[in-house]
All heavy atoms as atom14 arrays in JSON, in Angstrom:
{
  "sequence": "APGKEREGVAYISRGGTRTLYASSVKGRFTAARDNAKNTLYLQMNS",
  "atom14_mask": [
    [1, 1, 1, 1, 1, 0, 0, 0, 0, 0, 0, 0, 0, 0],
    [1, 1, 1, 1, 1, 1, 1, 0, 0, 0, 0, 0, 0, 0],
    [1, 1, 1, 1, 0, 0, 0, 0, 0, 0, 0, 0, 0, 0],
    [1, 1, 1, 1, 1, 1, 1, 1, 1, 0, 0, 0, 0, 0],
    [1, 1, 1, 1, 1, 1, 1, 1, 1, 0, 0, 0, 0, 0],
    [1, 1, 1, 1, 1, 1, 1, 1, 1, 1, 1, 0, 0, 0],
    [1, 1, 1, 1, 1, 1, 1, 1, 1, 0, 0, 0, 0, 0],
    [1, 1, 1, 1, 0, 0, 0, 0, 0, 0, 0, 0, 0, 0],
    [1, 1, 1, 1, 1, 1, 1, 0, 0, 0, 0, 0, 0, 0],
    [1, 1, 1, 1, 1, 0, 0, 0, 0, 0, 0, 0, 0, 0],
    [1, 1, 1, 1, 1, 1, 1, 1, 1, 1, 1, 1, 0, 0],
    [1, 1, 1, 1, 1, 1, 1, 1, 0, 0, 0, 0, 0, 0],
    [1, 1, 1, 1, 1, 1, 0, 0, 0, 0, 0, 0, 0, 0],
    [1, 1, 1, 1, 1, 1, 1, 1, 1, 1, 1, 0, 0, 0],
    [1, 1, 1, 1, 0, 0, 0, 0, 0, 0, 0, 0, 0, 0],
    [1, 1, 1, 1, 0, 0, 0, 0, 0, 0, 0, 0, 0, 0],
    [1, 1, 1, 1, 1, 1, 1, 0, 0, 0, 0, 0, 0, 0],
    [1, 1, 1, 1, 1, 1, 1, 1, 1, 1, 1, 0, 0, 0],
    [1, 1, 1, 1, 1, 1, 1, 0, 0, 0, 0, 0, 0, 0],
    [1, 1, 1, 1, 1, 1, 1, 1, 0, 0, 0, 0, 0, 0],
    [1, 1, 1, 1, 1, 1, 1, 1, 1, 1, 1, 1, 0, 0],
    [1, 1, 1, 1, 1, 0, 0, 0, 0, 0, 0, 0, 0, 0],
    [1, 1, 1, 1, 1, 1, 0, 0, 0, 0, 0, 0, 0, 0],
    [1, 1, 1, 1, 1, 1, 0, 0, 0, 0, 0, 0, 0, 0],
    [1, 1, 1, 1, 1, 1, 1, 0, 0, 0, 0, 0, 0, 0],
    [1, 1, 1, 1, 1, 1, 1, 1, 1, 0, 0, 0, 0, 0],
    [1, 1, 1, 1, 0, 0, 0, 0, 0, 0, 0, 0, 0, 0],
    [1, 1, 1, 1, 1, 1, 1, 1, 1, 1, 1, 0, 0, 0],
    [1, 1, 1, 1, 1, 1, 1, 1, 1, 1, 1, 0, 0, 0],
    [1, 1, 1, 1, 1, 1, 1, 0, 0, 0, 0, 0, 0, 0],
    [1, 1, 1, 1, 1, 0, 0, 0, 0, 0, 0, 0, 0, 0],
    [1, 1, 1, 1, 1, 0, 0, 0, 0, 0, 0, 0, 0, 0],
    [1, 1, 1, 1, 1, 1, 1, 1, 1, 1, 1, 0, 0, 0],
    [1, 1, 1, 1, 1, 1, 1, 1, 0, 0, 0, 0, 0, 0],
    [1, 1, 1, 1, 1, 1, 1, 1, 0, 0, 0, 0, 0, 0],
    [1, 1, 1, 1, 1, 0, 0, 0, 0, 0, 0, 0, 0, 0],
    [1, 1, 1, 1, 1, 1, 1, 1, 1, 0, 0, 0, 0, 0],
    [1, 1, 1, 1, 1, 1, 1, 1, 0, 0, 0, 0, 0, 0],
    [1, 1, 1, 1, 1, 1, 1, 0, 0, 0, 0, 0, 0, 0],
    [1, 1, 1, 1, 1, 1, 1, 1, 0, 0, 0, 0, 0, 0],
    [1, 1, 1, 1, 1, 1, 1, 1, 1, 1, 1, 1, 0, 0],
    [1, 1, 1, 1, 1, 1, 1, 1, 0, 0, 0, 0, 0, 0],
    [1, 1, 1, 1, 1, 1, 1, 1, 1, 0, 0, 0, 0, 0],
    [1, 1, 1, 1, 1, 1, 1, 1, 0, 0, 0, 0, 0, 0],
    [1, 1, 1, 1, 1, 1, 1, 1, 0, 0, 0, 0, 0, 0],
    [1, 1, 1, 1, 1, 1, 0, 0, 0, 0, 0, 0, 0, 0]
  ],
  "atom14_positions": [
    [[0.81, -1.18, -0.01], [0.01, -0.01, 0.02], [0.89, 1.25, 0.0], [2.06, 1.18, 0.43], [-0.92, 0.0, 1.2], [0.0, 0.0, 0.0], [0.0, 0.0, 0.0], [0.0, 0.0, 0.0], [0.0, 0.0, 0.0], [0.0, 0.0, 0.0], [0.0, 0.0, 0.0], [0.0, 0.0, 0.0], [0.0, 0.0, 0.0], [0.0, 0.0, 0.0]],
    [[0.37, 2.38, -0.48], [1.19, 3.63, -0.5], [1.75, 3.92, 0.86], [1.06, 3.92, 1.91], [0.18, 4.68, -0.98], [-0.84, 3.9, -1.76], [-1.0, 2.59, -1.08], [0.0, 0.0, 0.0], [0.0, 0.0, 0.0], [0.0, 0.0, 0.0], [0.0, 0.0, 0.0], [0.0, 0.0, 0.0], [0.0, 0.0, 0.0], [0.0, 0.0, 0.0]],
    [[3.04, 4.25, 0.95], [3.74, 4.58, 2.11], [3.99, 3.43, 3.03], [4.62, 3.71, 4.13], [0.0, 0.0, 0.0], [0.0, 0.0, 0.0], [0.0, 0.0, 0.0], [0.0, 0.0, 0.0], [0.0, 0.0, 0.0], [0.0, 0.0, 0.0], [0.0, 0.0, 0.0], [0.0, 0.0, 0.0], [0.0, 0.0, 0.0], [0.0, 0.0, 0.0]],
    [[3.74, 2.24, 2.67], [4.05, 1.1, 3.48], [4.99, 0.12, 2.79], [5.11, 0.15, 1.57], [2.71, 0.36, 3.83], [1.7, 1.17, 4.63], [0.5, 0.36, 4.93], [-0.46, 1.16, 5.8], [-1.69, 0.38, 6.13], [0.0, 0.0, 0.0], [0.0, 0.0, 0.0], [0.0, 0.0, 0.0], [0.0, 0.0, 0.0], [0.0, 0.0, 0.0]],
    [[5.64, -0.75, 3.57], [6.54, -1.72, 3.06], [5.76, -2.85, 2.42], [4.64, -3.15, 2.81], [7.42, -2.26, 4.18], [8.43, -1.19, 4.74], [9.39, -1.84, 5.73], [9.17, -3.04, 6.1], [10.35, -1.15, 6.18], [0.0, 0.0, 0.0], [0.0, 0.0, 0.0], [0.0, 0.0, 0.0], [0.0, 0.0, 0.0], [0.0, 0.0, 0.0]],
    [[6.44, -3.47, 1.45], [5.82, -4.67, 0.89], [5.75, -5.76, 1.88], [6.71, -6.02, 2.66], [6.66, -5.1, -0.33], [6.05, -6.19, -1.15], [6.74, -6.36, -2.48], [6.68, -5.19, -3.3], [7.11, -5.09, -4.54], [7.79, -6.12, -5.15], [7.03, -3.97, -5.21], [0.0, 0.0, 0.0], [0.0, 0.0, 0.0], [0.0, 0.0, 0.0]],
    [[4.6, -6.47, 1.95], [4.44, -7.53, 2.85], [4.01, -8.78, 2.19], [3.23, -8.76, 1.23], [3.49, -7.15, 3.94], [2.0, -6.91, 3.45], [1.07, -6.6, 4.56], [1.3, -6.99, 5.75], [0.02, -6.0, 4.29], [0.0, 0.0, 0.0], [0.0, 0.0, 0.0], [0.0, 0.0, 0.0], [0.0, 0.0, 0.0], [0.0, 0.0, 0.0]],
    [[4.43, -9.9, 2.7], [3.98, -11.18, 2.22], [2.5, -11.45, 2.64], [2.15, -11.19, 3.77], [0.0, 0.0, 0.0], [0.0, 0.0, 0.0], [0.0, 0.0, 0.0], [0.0, 0.0, 0.0], [0.0, 0.0, 0.0], [0.0, 0.0, 0.0], [0.0, 0.0, 0.0], [0.0, 0.0, 0.0], [0.0, 0.0, 0.0], [0.0, 0.0, 0.0]],
    [[1.81, -12.04, 1.77], [0.35, -12.31, 2.0], [0.09, -13.77, 2.05], [-0.55, -14.32, 2.98], [-0.53, -11.63, 0.87], [-1.96, -12.06, 1.09], [-0.37, -10.17, 0.94], [0.0, 0.0, 0.0], [0.0, 0.0, 0.0], [0.0, 0.0, 0.0], [0.0, 0.0, 0.0], [0.0, 0.0, 0.0], [0.0, 0.0, 0.0], [0.0, 0.0, 0.0]],
    [[0.66, -14.52, 1.04], [0.43, -15.93, 0.99], [1.55, -16.58, 0.24], [2.16, -15.96, -0.65], [-0.93, -16.23, 0.25], [0.0, 0.0, 0.0], [0.0, 0.0, 0.0], [0.0, 0.0, 0.0], [0.0, 0.0, 0.0], [0.0, 0.0, 0.0], [0.0, 0.0, 0.0], [0.0, 0.0, 0.0], [0.0, 0.0, 0.0], [0.0, 0.0, 0.0]],
    [[1.79, -17.82, 0.56], [2.89, -18.6, -0.07], [2.35, -19.94, -0.38], [1.51, -20.54, 0.36], [4.08, -18.64, 0.88], [4.58, -17.4, 1.46], [3.99, -16.89, 2.65], [5.54, -16.7, 0.81], [4.46, -15.68, 3.16], [5.97, -15.45, 1.33], [5.4, -15.02, 2.49], [5.83, -13.8, 3.01], [0.0, 0.0, 0.0], [0.0, 0.0, 0.0]],
    [[2.89, -20.57, -1.45], [2.44, -21.88, -1.88], [3.59, -22.68, -2.37], [4.5, -22.17, -2.99], [1.31, -21.77, -2.92], [0.69, -23.06, -3.17], [1.82, -21.17, -4.24], [-0.64, -22.99, -3.94], [0.0, 0.0, 0.0], [0.0, 0.0, 0.0], [0.0, 0.0, 0.0], [0.0, 0.0, 0.0], [0.0, 0.0, 0.0], [0.0, 0.0, 0.0]],
    [[3.6, -23.93, -1.99], [4.66, -24.81, -2.28], [4.69, -25.18, -3.78], [3.73, -24.89, -4.52], [4.61, -26.14, -1.49], [3.49, -26.84, -1.74], [0.0, 0.0, 0.0], [0.0, 0.0, 0.0], [0.0, 0.0, 0.0], [0.0, 0.0, 0.0], [0.0, 0.0, 0.0], [0.0, 0.0, 0.0], [0.0, 0.0, 0.0], [0.0, 0.0, 0.0]],
    [[5.76, -25.82, -4.21], [5.93, -26.18, -5.65], [4.73, -26.99, -6.2], [4.28, -26.73, -7.28], [7.25, -26.84, -5.82], [8.43, -26.04, -5.61], [9.72, -26.8, -5.84], [9.84, -27.93, -4.91], [10.91, -28.65, -4.8], [11.98, -28.46, -5.56], [10.91, -29.66, -3.92], [0.0, 0.0, 0.0], [0.0, 0.0, 0.0], [0.0, 0.0, 0.0]],
    [[4.29, -27.92, -5.43], [3.23, -28.76, -5.85], [1.81, -28.29, -5.41], [0.83, -28.91, -5.84], [0.0, 0.0, 0.0], [0.0, 0.0, 0.0], [0.0, 0.0, 0.0], [0.0, 0.0, 0.0], [0.0, 0.0, 0.0], [0.0, 0.0, 0.0], [0.0, 0.0, 0.0], [0.0, 0.0, 0.0], [0.0, 0.0, 0.0], [0.0, 0.0, 0.0]],
    [[1.79, -27.25, -4.64], [0.54, -26.65, -4.26], [-0.1, -27.36, -2.99], [-1.14, -27.04, -2.62], [0.0, 0.0, 0.0], [0.0, 0.0, 0.0], [0.0, 0.0, 0.0], [0.0, 0.0, 0.0], [0.0, 0.0, 0.0], [0.0, 0.0, 0.0], [0.0, 0.0, 0.0], [0.0, 0.0, 0.0], [0.0, 0.0, 0.0], [0.0, 0.0, 0.0]],
    [[0.67, -28.24, -2.43], [0.14, -28.99, -1.28], [0.31, -28.29, 0.05], [-0.37, -28.66, 1.06], [0.75, -30.42, -1.14], [2.17, -30.28, -1.08], [0.47, -31.21, -2.4], [0.0, 0.0, 0.0], [0.0, 0.0, 0.0], [0.0, 0.0, 0.0], [0.0, 0.0, 0.0], [0.0, 0.0, 0.0], [0.0, 0.0, 0.0], [0.0, 0.0, 0.0]],
    [[1.18, -27.32, 0.16], [1.41, -26.51, 1.38], [1.16, -25.06, 1.07], [1.59, -24.58, -0.01], [2.82, -26.68, 1.96], [3.1, -28.07, 2.48], [4.47, -28.13, 3.12], [4.58, -27.19, 4.22], [5.72, -26.81, 4.77], [6.9, -27.19, 4.26], [5.7, -25.92, 5.73], [0.0, 0.0, 0.0], [0.0, 0.0, 0.0], [0.0, 0.0, 0.0]],
    [[0.51, -24.38, 1.97], [0.32, -22.89, 1.92], [0.52, -22.34, 3.27], [0.36, -22.92, 4.29], [-1.13, -22.62, 1.43], [-2.1, -23.24, 2.28], [-1.35, -22.96, -0.01], [0.0, 0.0, 0.0], [0.0, 0.0, 0.0], [0.0, 0.0, 0.0], [0.0, 0.0, 0.0], [0.0, 0.0, 0.0], [0.0, 0.0, 0.0], [0.0, 0.0, 0.0]],
    [[0.99, -21.1, 3.27], [1.23, -20.2, 4.46], [0.58, -18.91, 4.22], [0.63, -18.43, 3.03], [2.67, -20.14, 4.74], [3.45, -21.39, 5.13], [4.9, -21.09, 5.11], [2.98, -21.96, 6.45], [0.0, 0.0, 0.0], [0.0, 0.0, 0.0], [0.0, 0.0, 0.0], [0.0, 0.0, 0.0], [0.0, 0.0, 0.0], [0.0, 0.0, 0.0]],
    [[0.06, -18.29, 5.23], [-0.64, -17.0, 5.08], [-0.26, -16.06, 6.24], [0.01, -16.48, 7.3], [-2.14, -17.24, 5.18], [-2.7, -18.07, 4.05], [-2.86, -19.49, 4.34], [-3.0, -17.6, 2.84], [-3.35, -20.34, 3.34], [-3.49, -18.43, 1.79], [-3.71, -19.77, 2.09], [-4.12, -20.62, 1.06], [0.0, 0.0, 0.0], [0.0, 0.0, 0.0]],
    [[-0.23, -14.79, 5.84], [-0.15, -13.76, 6.87], [-1.3, -13.81, 7.78], [-2.46, -14.19, 7.37], [-0.02, -12.38, 6.25], [0.0, 0.0, 0.0], [0.0, 0.0, 0.0], [0.0, 0.0, 0.0], [0.0, 0.0, 0.0], [0.0, 0.0, 0.0], [0.0, 0.0, 0.0], [0.0, 0.0, 0.0], [0.0, 0.0, 0.0], [0.0, 0.0, 0.0]],
    [[-1.06, -13.55, 9.08], [-2.19, -13.67, 10.0], [-3.32, -12.72, 9.69], [-4.49, -13.04, 9.96], [-1.61, -13.35, 11.44], [-1.11, -12.03, 11.54], [0.0, 0.0, 0.0], [0.0, 0.0, 0.0], [0.0, 0.0, 0.0], [0.0, 0.0, 0.0], [0.0, 0.0, 0.0], [0.0, 0.0, 0.0], [0.0, 0.0, 0.0], [0.0, 0.0, 0.0]],
    [[-3.03, -11.59, 8.99], [-4.1, -10.66, 8.69], [-5.07, -11.14, 7.64], [-6.18, -10.59, 7.54], [-3.41, -9.33, 8.28], [-2.65, -9.51, 7.08], [0.0, 0.0, 0.0], [0.0, 0.0, 0.0], [0.0, 0.0, 0.0], [0.0, 0.0, 0.0], [0.0, 0.0, 0.0], [0.0, 0.0, 0.0], [0.0, 0.0, 0.0], [0.0, 0.0, 0.0]],
    [[-4.67, -12.16, 6.93], [-5.55, -12.61, 5.8], [-5.95, -14.1, 5.97], [-6.81, -14.61, 5.25], [-4.87, -12.45, 4.42], [-4.41, -11.06, 4.18], [-3.7, -13.46, 4.24], [0.0, 0.0, 0.0], [0.0, 0.0, 0.0], [0.0, 0.0, 0.0], [0.0, 0.0, 0.0], [0.0, 0.0, 0.0], [0.0, 0.0, 0.0], [0.0, 0.0, 0.0]],
    [[-5.39, -14.79, 6.99], [-5.67, -16.22, 7.19], [-7.16, -16.39, 7.44], [-7.76, -15.69, 8.24], [-4.89, -16.75, 8.4], [-4.92, -18.26, 8.48], [-3.99, -18.74, 9.56], [-3.92, -20.23, 9.61], [-2.98, -20.71, 10.69], [0.0, 0.0, 0.0], [0.0, 0.0, 0.0], [0.0, 0.0, 0.0], [0.0, 0.0, 0.0], [0.0, 0.0, 0.0]],
    [[-7.71, -17.35, 6.72], [-9.11, -17.6, 6.83], [-9.98, -16.89, 5.78], [-11.13, -17.25, 5.57], [0.0, 0.0, 0.0], [0.0, 0.0, 0.0], [0.0, 0.0, 0.0], [0.0, 0.0, 0.0], [0.0, 0.0, 0.0], [0.0, 0.0, 0.0], [0.0, 0.0, 0.0], [0.0, 0.0, 0.0], [0.0, 0.0, 0.0], [0.0, 0.0, 0.0]],
    [[-9.42, -15.87, 5.17], [-10.07, -15.12, 4.16], [-9.5, -15.27, 2.75], [-10.26, -15.2, 1.76], [-10.03, -13.59, 4.53], [-10.75, -13.25, 5.86], [-10.85, -11.73, 6.08], [-9.54, -11.15, 6.16], [-9.08, -10.17, 5.32], [-9.86, -9.84, 4.27], [-7.87, -9.73, 5.46], [0.0, 0.0, 0.0], [0.0, 0.0, 0.0], [0.0, 0.0, 0.0]],
    [[-8.17, -15.47, 2.68], [-7.55, -15.56, 1.43], [-7.09, -17.06, 1.22], [-6.74, -17.73, 2.19], [-6.29, -14.69, 1.33], [-6.57, -13.25, 1.22], [-7.79, -12.73, 1.48], [-5.48, -12.39, 0.97], [-7.99, -11.33, 1.43], [-5.68, -11.01, 0.81], [-6.91, -10.52, 1.12], [0.0, 0.0, 0.0], [0.0, 0.0, 0.0], [0.0, 0.0, 0.0]],
    [[-7.08, -17.49, 0.0], [-6.64, -18.85, -0.34], [-5.75, -18.83, -1.6], [-6.22, -18.3, -2.67], [-7.85, -19.81, -0.6], [-8.72, -19.82, 0.53], [-7.29, -21.21, -0.84], [0.0, 0.0, 0.0], [0.0, 0.0, 0.0], [0.0, 0.0, 0.0], [0.0, 0.0, 0.0], [0.0, 0.0, 0.0], [0.0, 0.0, 0.0], [0.0, 0.0, 0.0]],
    [[-4.55, -19.31, -1.46], [-3.63, -19.4, -2.63], [-3.81, -20.78, -3.27], [-3.97, -21.82, -2.54], [-2.19, -19.22, -2.12], [0.0, 0.0, 0.0], [0.0, 0.0, 0.0], [0.0, 0.0, 0.0], [0.0, 0.0, 0.0], [0.0, 0.0, 0.0], [0.0, 0.0, 0.0], [0.0, 0.0, 0.0], [0.0, 0.0, 0.0], [0.0, 0.0, 0.0]],
    [[-3.72, -20.8, -4.51], [-3.83, -22.11, -5.24], [-2.96, -22.0, -6.52], [-2.63, -20.86, -6.88], [-5.24, -22.47, -5.6], [0.0, 0.0, 0.0], [0.0, 0.0, 0.0], [0.0, 0.0, 0.0], [0.0, 0.0, 0.0], [0.0, 0.0, 0.0], [0.0, 0.0, 0.0], [0.0, 0.0, 0.0], [0.0, 0.0, 0.0], [0.0, 0.0, 0.0]],
    [[-2.7, -23.09, -7.15], [-1.95, -23.06, -8.41], [-2.44, -24.18, -9.33], [-2.84, -25.25, -8.8], [-0.45, -23.18, -8.13], [0.06, -24.42, -7.59], [1.49, -24.28, -7.03], [2.45, -24.04, -8.17], [3.65, -23.61, -7.97], [4.09, -23.28, -6.83], [4.44, -23.41, -9.04], [0.0, 0.0, 0.0], [0.0, 0.0, 0.0], [0.0, 0.0, 0.0]],
    [[-2.4, -23.9, -10.57], [-2.7, -24.94, -11.57], [-1.39, -25.1, -12.39], [-1.12, -24.31, -13.3], [-3.86, -24.5, -12.45], [-4.37, -25.59, -13.38], [-3.49, -26.47, -13.72], [-5.45, -25.55, -13.9], [0.0, 0.0, 0.0], [0.0, 0.0, 0.0], [0.0, 0.0, 0.0], [0.0, 0.0, 0.0], [0.0, 0.0, 0.0], [0.0, 0.0, 0.0]],
    [[-0.64, -26.08, -12.07], [0.64, -26.21, -12.75], [0.53, -26.59, -14.21], [1.38, -26.27, -14.94], [1.48, -27.29, -11.93], [2.05, -26.74, -10.69], [1.95, -25.61, -10.46], [2.53, -27.72, -9.87], [0.0, 0.0, 0.0], [0.0, 0.0, 0.0], [0.0, 0.0, 0.0], [0.0, 0.0, 0.0], [0.0, 0.0, 0.0], [0.0, 0.0, 0.0]],
    [[-0.58, -27.17, -14.59], [-0.77, -27.52, -15.96], [-1.04, -26.24, -16.82], [-0.78, -26.23, -18.0], [-2.03, -28.45, -16.16], [0.0, 0.0, 0.0], [0.0, 0.0, 0.0], [0.0, 0.0, 0.0], [0.0, 0.0, 0.0], [0.0, 0.0, 0.0], [0.0, 0.0, 0.0], [0.0, 0.0, 0.0], [0.0, 0.0, 0.0], [0.0, 0.0, 0.0]],
    [[-1.55, -25.22, -16.13], [-1.77, -23.93, -16.84], [-0.75, -22.88, -16.54], [-0.86, -21.7, -16.96], [-3.18, -23.39, -16.45], [-4.33, -24.3, -16.9], [-5.69, -23.74, -16.48], [-6.82, -24.54, -17.0], [-8.13, -23.94, -16.61], [0.0, 0.0, 0.0], [0.0, 0.0, 0.0], [0.0, 0.0, 0.0], [0.0, 0.0, 0.0], [0.0, 0.0, 0.0]],
    [[0.26, -23.22, -15.76], [1.28, -22.23, -15.34], [0.68, -20.96, -14.73], [1.08, -19.86, -15.02], [2.19, -21.87, -16.51], [3.18, -22.99, -16.85], [3.12, -24.06, -16.35], [4.13, -22.58, -17.74], [0.0, 0.0, 0.0], [0.0, 0.0, 0.0], [0.0, 0.0, 0.0], [0.0, 0.0, 0.0], [0.0, 0.0, 0.0], [0.0, 0.0, 0.0]],
    [[-0.29, -21.22, -13.86], [-1.06, -20.03, -13.3], [-1.13, -20.19, -11.78], [-1.46, -21.3, -11.28], [-2.43, -19.98, -13.93], [-2.3, -19.84, -15.35], [-3.2, -18.73, -13.39], [0.0, 0.0, 0.0], [0.0, 0.0, 0.0], [0.0, 0.0, 0.0], [0.0, 0.0, 0.0], [0.0, 0.0, 0.0], [0.0, 0.0, 0.0], [0.0, 0.0, 0.0]],
    [[-0.94, -19.07, -11.15], [-1.13, -19.0, -9.68], [-2.35, -18.16, -9.44], [-2.61, -17.21, -10.18], [0.15, -18.26, -9.12], [0.2, -17.95, -7.64], [0.3, -19.17, -6.78], [1.36, -16.97, -7.41], [0.0, 0.0, 0.0], [0.0, 0.0, 0.0], [0.0, 0.0, 0.0], [0.0, 0.0, 0.0], [0.0, 0.0, 0.0], [0.0, 0.0, 0.0]],
    [[-3.04, -18.49, -8.35], [-4.25, -17.79, -7.98], [-4.24, -17.27, -6.52], [-3.57, -17.87, -5.69], [-5.47, -18.69, -8.11], [-5.66, -19.23, -9.53], [-5.23, -20.51, -9.81], [-6.26, -18.51, -10.55], [-5.33, -21.1, -11.08], [-6.4, -18.98, -11.81], [-6.0, -20.28, -12.11], [-6.14, -20.76, -13.29], [0.0, 0.0, 0.0], [0.0, 0.0, 0.0]],
    [[-4.96, -16.25, -6.27], [-5.26, -15.83, -4.92], [-6.7, -15.43, -4.85], [-7.14, -14.43, -5.36], [-4.4, -14.62, -4.49], [-4.56, -14.16, -3.02], [-3.98, -15.26, -2.12], [-3.83, -12.81, -2.82], [0.0, 0.0, 0.0], [0.0, 0.0, 0.0], [0.0, 0.0, 0.0], [0.0, 0.0, 0.0], [0.0, 0.0, 0.0], [0.0, 0.0, 0.0]],
    [[-7.5, -16.27, -4.15], [-8.89, -16.01, -3.92], [-8.97, -15.17, -2.66], [-8.54, -15.62, -1.54], [-9.65, -17.27, -3.73], [-11.18, -17.09, -3.43], [-11.91, -16.52, -4.57], [-11.71, -16.95, -5.74], [-12.68, -15.52, -4.31], [0.0, 0.0, 0.0], [0.0, 0.0, 0.0], [0.0, 0.0, 0.0], [0.0, 0.0, 0.0], [0.0, 0.0, 0.0]],
    [[-9.6, -14.01, -2.71], [-9.64, -13.12, -1.65], [-11.16, -12.93, -1.3], [-11.93, -12.39, -2.12], [-9.04, -11.74, -1.93], [-7.58, -11.88, -2.37], [-6.82, -10.29, -2.6], [-7.78, -9.63, -3.97], [0.0, 0.0, 0.0], [0.0, 0.0, 0.0], [0.0, 0.0, 0.0], [0.0, 0.0, 0.0], [0.0, 0.0, 0.0], [0.0, 0.0, 0.0]],
    [[-11.58, -13.33, -0.14], [-12.9, -13.14, 0.38], [-12.99, -12.24, 1.5], [-11.98, -11.99, 2.24], [-13.53, -14.53, 0.73], [-13.6, -15.49, -0.45], [-13.82, -15.1, -1.56], [-13.43, -16.79, -0.13], [0.0, 0.0, 0.0], [0.0, 0.0, 0.0], [0.0, 0.0, 0.0], [0.0, 0.0, 0.0], [0.0, 0.0, 0.0], [0.0, 0.0, 0.0]],
    [[-14.18, -11.74, 1.83], [-14.39, -10.88, 3.0], [-13.38, -9.74, 3.0], [-12.72, -9.48, 4.05], [-14.33, -11.66, 4.3], [-15.3, -12.7, 4.29], [0.0, 0.0, 0.0], [0.0, 0.0, 0.0], [0.0, 0.0, 0.0], [0.0, 0.0, 0.0], [0.0, 0.0, 0.0], [0.0, 0.0, 0.0], [0.0, 0.0, 0.0], [0.0, 0.0, 0.0]]
  ]
}
């Protein structure tokens, strides 16, 4: 955000089987990946 440092939000393992989230978004955001499509996703709710 403007005037703030860059912060990590979500992380996902190579195979997509492990994820980690910042406490501020845990339970609301979900990271996923489709390796067949070379695409990473972040679903953001609430």
